[in-house]
Every structure is written in C-alpha cells, then in structure tokens.
Amino acid sequence: MILREVSLAAPLVVVFTAMCMGIAVLWGDIAAGMFCLFFLVLLYDRSRIVHLGFGLVLAAVAVLFSPGWTGLPDGEYLVQGRVAESGFVRGSFRITLDNVSVDGQHIRGRALISIYENVSDPGQRSVVEGRVRLKTPRPLGNEGEFDYRSYLLSQGITLKGSIKDGAGITIKKPGRAQGLREHIAAALSGYARPEAEIMKAVLTGDLSGLSYSLRDGFASLGVAHLLAISGLHMGIVFLLWYFVSFTLLRLIPALAGRLDTPFIAKLTGLAGVLLYAHFVGGSIPAVRSAIMVACIIVSLMLSRRHHLIESLSLAGILILLWMPRSLYTSSFLLSFSAVLGITGVYLRLEGSPRWLAYILIPVIASAFTLPITISHFGFVPLSGFVANIVFVPWFSFVVMPLGMAGLVFFPVSEQISSLFFSLSFDTMGVIIRAAEMFGRLHPVAGPGNAWVFACYAGMITAFFSTASRMRTVLLSLCIILIVAIPAGLRFYRNHQPLCFDFISVGQGDSTLVTKGRTAILIDAGGSRWGFDTGRFIVGPHLLRRGVTKLDIVVITHAHTDHIGGMPFILDRFPTGEVWTNMQEDWNPDFRSVIHVAEKKGILVKNVCLGDALRHAGLDIEILNPQKRIGRRSAGMDQNLHSIVLRIGDNSMRGLFMGDVEGLGEIRLCRLETNLSADVLKVGHHGSKNSCLMMFLEQVNPEIAVIQVGYGNVFKLPNIATLDRLSQQGVYIRRTDLHGEVKVYSSGHSLVVKSGGLSADRSLYE
C-alpha cells in the first residue's frame, strides 16, 4: 500500500500502530481502533504480519497491567502514603501520595487528596496519615464531556479524596528538607512578577503560580505549549548541553583530536535530558517527554534517514507500555503529533536550505497539532502559525538559555543567578506583551472524530507516502472530507428545531436554548470553591453543540451557582445582549460579568415583567421581576427577584424559573398572564417551597427538569416537591440522576433525552 516503504524501513511503526489499535479496541473505542486499522492497511506488507501481532500482544499486556480505579465504596478511611507532589490547585491544597495504603491494605497507583482548611505543606517524601473521605469522581452526564476519572488514571491516580481540616494529618516520617527545585521555585516566586511565575513553570515544572489570565494570554497567541514542560523543553535542554560540551571539547585540542566530539556531545545532551527530567520532579508529562526526546536523540546518533520515525515509534511503544492511558491525553497527542510533523518536514526537506526548514518546522508542527487542539480545546489562536515562527525560536534560543543559566548558577551564586533570571524575565515579557496586543482565540464548533481522522489521514499521506495514483485519490478524498464534514454539520445544526438543553453543572443552573442558528444561554453555573464551570463545563458543551456565538445571555440573578461561570463565557463567545434582573449589584461575580461585557462592548439590559421579544421565530416573555430594579438593596431576596422567562414557538414552550419559589410562584399566579408551558425548569433546585399546587395547575407542564448537584448538602430536591409533581402526573428529570436533559419536538411529539440514560423516551409513545 502507499505507506509500505515506511513499513519496510521502520518496522516499529507497524508495532506502534497495532498497539494503539489494540489499546483502543480493548477499552471500547471502536472509532479510534478503526482509524488505526486504516493505517495498518496503508502500511501493509506480508513481512510485517509478525510485527502487527507483536503490537497487539503489547497492547494486551499494557491494558492488563494498567492500574484501574479502586473499587472502594465512598466513605471515610485511614489513608497512609508518601508525599510525591503538593501545592494549591483551583482553590484547594492538594497532595499526591504514592506507596498508598488504605486501612492497612496496599493500593496500586497514587492518591490525590484535597485539603480545605488549616493547610500546611507536609514536605516532599514525608510519610503522612489521616482520615480521608474517599469519593469516586462521578461524571456529570453531559454528552461528550471530559472524563475526569480517566484523566486521573492517566496520571497514575487511582484514589481521590478530601480532608476538611489539615490538622487531621499526621506526619509519620518527615521527608527530606527543601530540595534545590523547591528552593529555586520559592526564589522565583519571591520576585512577585508574572514573568517569574512563567519561568518557574518552564524551569521547575511548578505550575502553581500560573493564573488563568497568564495561561489564556499564551493560548491566545498559540504558544500555550511553552508553559508546560514538554518535548520542546527537553529538546532545548539537549541542545544547550550539546552546545556547551561540544564547545568545551573543541577548546581542548588533545581531546578534540582523539574523541568523536559530536558523539560525546550527544551523549552529554542525553544525560542532561535525563537529569532534567529527574530535577523537575519526574512528573508523568516530563518523563513522557524525556522518553520521546531520548529516542529521537538515539536516532540522530545513528545518523540514518528513517531512524527518526522509528525512534518516535519506539518512544510511543515505551510510553504506552508504561502508561497506556497516555493515548487519550492531550499532552501526549500534541507532543507526538508535533514531532510527527517535524519528522515529515525533515524527511521531505532533506538536502534543502536550512532557512526553509526553520520556517516550515513550526508551521507544520502547528498544522499537525491543530486538529487535536480544535477537538480537545475548541478555541483556535488566529495568530498561531505566525506566532510560532517568531516566538518558538525566541523562547528556545533566548529566553530558555537565560533561564537555564540562572538555574545552573543558583547553587553557586544567587547574585549571578538573579542577573540571568532578570534577563529571562525581560525577554519573556516580550511574549506577554505580544499576547496582549495580538492574541485572539476564535471558538470553533466541535467537528467530530471523523474530521480529525480525515486531517491526519491527509497529512500523513502527504508527508510520508511516495507519489502514486492511490496517493492522489486518498489525498483528494481527505481534502473533500475536511471541507465537507464541517459544512455538513453546520447545515444540520442550522436546521434543528427548538431544543431546551439543561446542562448538568453540579449544584447550579445552566440552560441552552437553541433553534437553528439562534442560541440563548440562561445562567452558567458556578462553584463556591472557585471551580470555573464556564471554562470547564459550559464552554466546552457549547462548542460540542456547535454553538460559537450567543444571541442572548440571561443572568437570572447574581448567586454564584448561576453566574459564577458567566465571565468566561462572555469573554470567549461573541454575545449579542446580556439580560440582568438589576442594574447594579455589589456581588463580585456580577461585577466581573459587567466588566467583561463593557470590555467586549456587549449591550447589557435590565429586564422586568412586560418586556418581550420575538427573535428568529422564538417568542420570549419576561414574567419576573415584576418591576425594574436599579441598585440591589440590603436584605433584598435575590431568589424572589430572579428573572423568570417563557420561551417557545409553535412546537413547544418552556418556563424557566431561576430560583423563584413559594411567594414568587404565588405572585406569578396572580398575574393576568398565560403561564402554561410544556416544559418547566423547576425553581430553586426543587426546594421545599417550589412547585406549589396552584402554580402547577396554571402551568400544567408535561415535563419538569430539576437542576441539582449529586449528593448536595442541601438535600435537594425536597421530597414534598417531588410528590407534588408526581401528583400532577408530571414527567420528572433530574440532572443529578440523569445528567444533561434535552427536550425537543420531533414534529408530532416531545422527546426527552438524558445524558445519563441509555434509552430515550417520547412523551406520546
């Protein structure tokens, strides 16, 4: 087949591809398995049957010996382990333990423990013990959502729990004193500059000081990969060690004449990579990158044309044997695809001018990572290709060497080290300022796996196959699919009927209303613990649904569980209007929303009873608050003054209650307004005073959706509310039990789809 030459020159490519297929199939990912099978067909040669079988055997071994999630029931246990990592993450202090035992029984894998109060760092490699409330991560139930438990397993974590009070932790055996890495990280944090926090991340692997604004800035420029230690950083370390050792050996004529200087320099560079991987803490991404770079260095030492792709395959095999779930991590996929693209350029440009390679390598590497970036993150930096051409060399040959010099001199002289660090801050500042000036992220609707597969089929065929008629046909087909799939999805989404999509955001509310191209978002969830539901739940969900802009955003009221995720949404998604229940509120979340809206030039409207709009075939009526509210007064009941709106067309209508309950429902019943609706979003998460009988009789809903968190401390929904709904014969769906709930009209009936259920239900079956 068209990749037969690659198969013959680099047999490990067949082993690696077969291994990927085996892992995917054994974990039930048939789509990825078929994609790998497609490439095995392109690589087919009779002499490689044994290699294919060997790859499948390796896949079975890797999956069989991969640690799975512990089967312990949720509850409190005595947990002991050795501290491997510690630090603040998203509002809580987290420690990662290895050598873990639970109630005296050894557990495979590592444990991730969150501490909320009386936090103190027990110290690296300390053996600690405490009563921990273990809880298995439970999916929210949104279609296509991020699988948090699989992510933890990819990091070697098989146990997750929390301790409310850090005073309950006992240090059984003190660990080592603060090491060089921790000492350098603390010194860099002491500069109190954003540039210092970035250098701390890229030099020591400590990401704790990176704010979302810093991460977003680099992402908007298309250079977010510079922030986390990856193959690029390991490659820079190799080049620095290689250059220094090569120069020193050349300066000593006696050694230069007797030794193979380039070979010794490469060995020194390889040693530098391994030492650096150990220095940054031996984290899984760092070790993965070190393996990949080490294999490529070996190929360079062998100086044979096809050994580069052979070594990349060997790196993939070793990584997947060690951690098979890496196959589904963005860091592995991005690193592997970038190096694959660079390998393709290297093979195609052999003998070409070096300047051409310098220009094309970052461009092609960006092109090879683009499908994964779109699929995993959904936002594309508009300046990414140009920024990588400019700033990857700047980072590699200016910023990083200055930082590494500061690292090397730190144990010798902190004054000299400080000089190099300061220079690295100034040069890093160039990238930060460029991000502020030119950085833009464009939301891209989820294109689906078929589009991603078509992209890689086309690029791999273009760079690694030889000219033939079949190659031309395959490339043409890939180009057609790359264009046709997004166009087809856009056409399909633009002709969809009215749909109420109740997103599962935990203990909070968020509802997406769509009809064709029109999209209205009501609330965006939120968390008291600082977890950004807009960034991690609602935003990705919108992109999966094909929504890249919002016509109207409704903020029912300024409670965190409704508004907390909204600043991110307004910042990332072009929005027509924002509707609020009052003009001014001292709530910090509300102020953040107004600040983002003003920065983006989004119109903010203060709405009340009587306001109505007909938009794109939708009738939208505001039923509460009953008068326009200017400034929030002390003691004002936010729930009572939540926005209540009725949205519908000739197929169905929905009544969205925000947190209105009890007295608010009575007020609505007294209005001379038609409250009838097919779908009721139950007010205040199904609290005791929600869904009064008189209210239900006027609304007469067929479906009631309760947005509530699983096992919430408020014990919602209340049993009395559920009883009243049942007495009225209302079909009840709950996001805590059923996940995401979608309601739409099939033309002759209403259909309810639940993310947590395997079967759907039509109301009029």
Foldseek 3Di string as FASTA:
>chain_A
DQLQVLCVVFVLVLLLLLLQLLLCVVVPNVVSNVLSVVVCVVNDDPVNPVSSVNSNVLNVLLVVPQDAADPDDFFKWKKKFFWQDWDDDQQWIKTKGPQMDTNRHTDFFIEIETEHEQDDDLDHRFIKIFIWGWDDDDDLQFPPADDVRLVCSLQRHRTYTYDHYPVRMDGPGRDDDDDLLNVQLVVLVVVVDQLSLQLNCQQQVDNNPPDPVNLQLCVLQQNSVSRHHALLSLVLQLVVQLVVQLVVQVVDVVNVVPDPSNLVSLVRSLVSLVVSCVRSSVGLRSVLSNQQNSLQSVLVSVVDLSSNVSSLSVSSSVSCSVRVSLSVDLRSQLRSQLSVQLSLLCNVQVVHDVVVSLLVSLQSSCLSSVLVCCQPQQKHRPNNSVSSSPVSCLCSVPLVVLSVVLSVCCVPDNVVSVVSSVRSSVSVVVSSVCSVVRGDIAGAANLDPVLSSLSVQLVCLVRNGDDDPVSVVSNVVSVCCNVVSVVVVLVVQQQAAWKWKWAAQAAAGWIWTDGRLAIEIEFQFADPSSDQSLNRPVVVSCRPSVHQAHAEYEDQFPDRRGQVNPLVVLQRGHYAEYEYQEAEEPRPSVVSNVVSCVVNVHHYHHDAAPDWDQDPQKTKGWHFDHDGHYYDDPPDDRLLRTTWMWMDHPQFIEIERAQHFAVSLVVSLPDPDQQAGQEYAWHNQQDPRIDDLSSCVRHVYQEYEGHHHAPDPVPPNDPNSVVSCVVSNHHYDYSNQFGMWMWGGPPPWIWIDTSRDPDTDTPPD
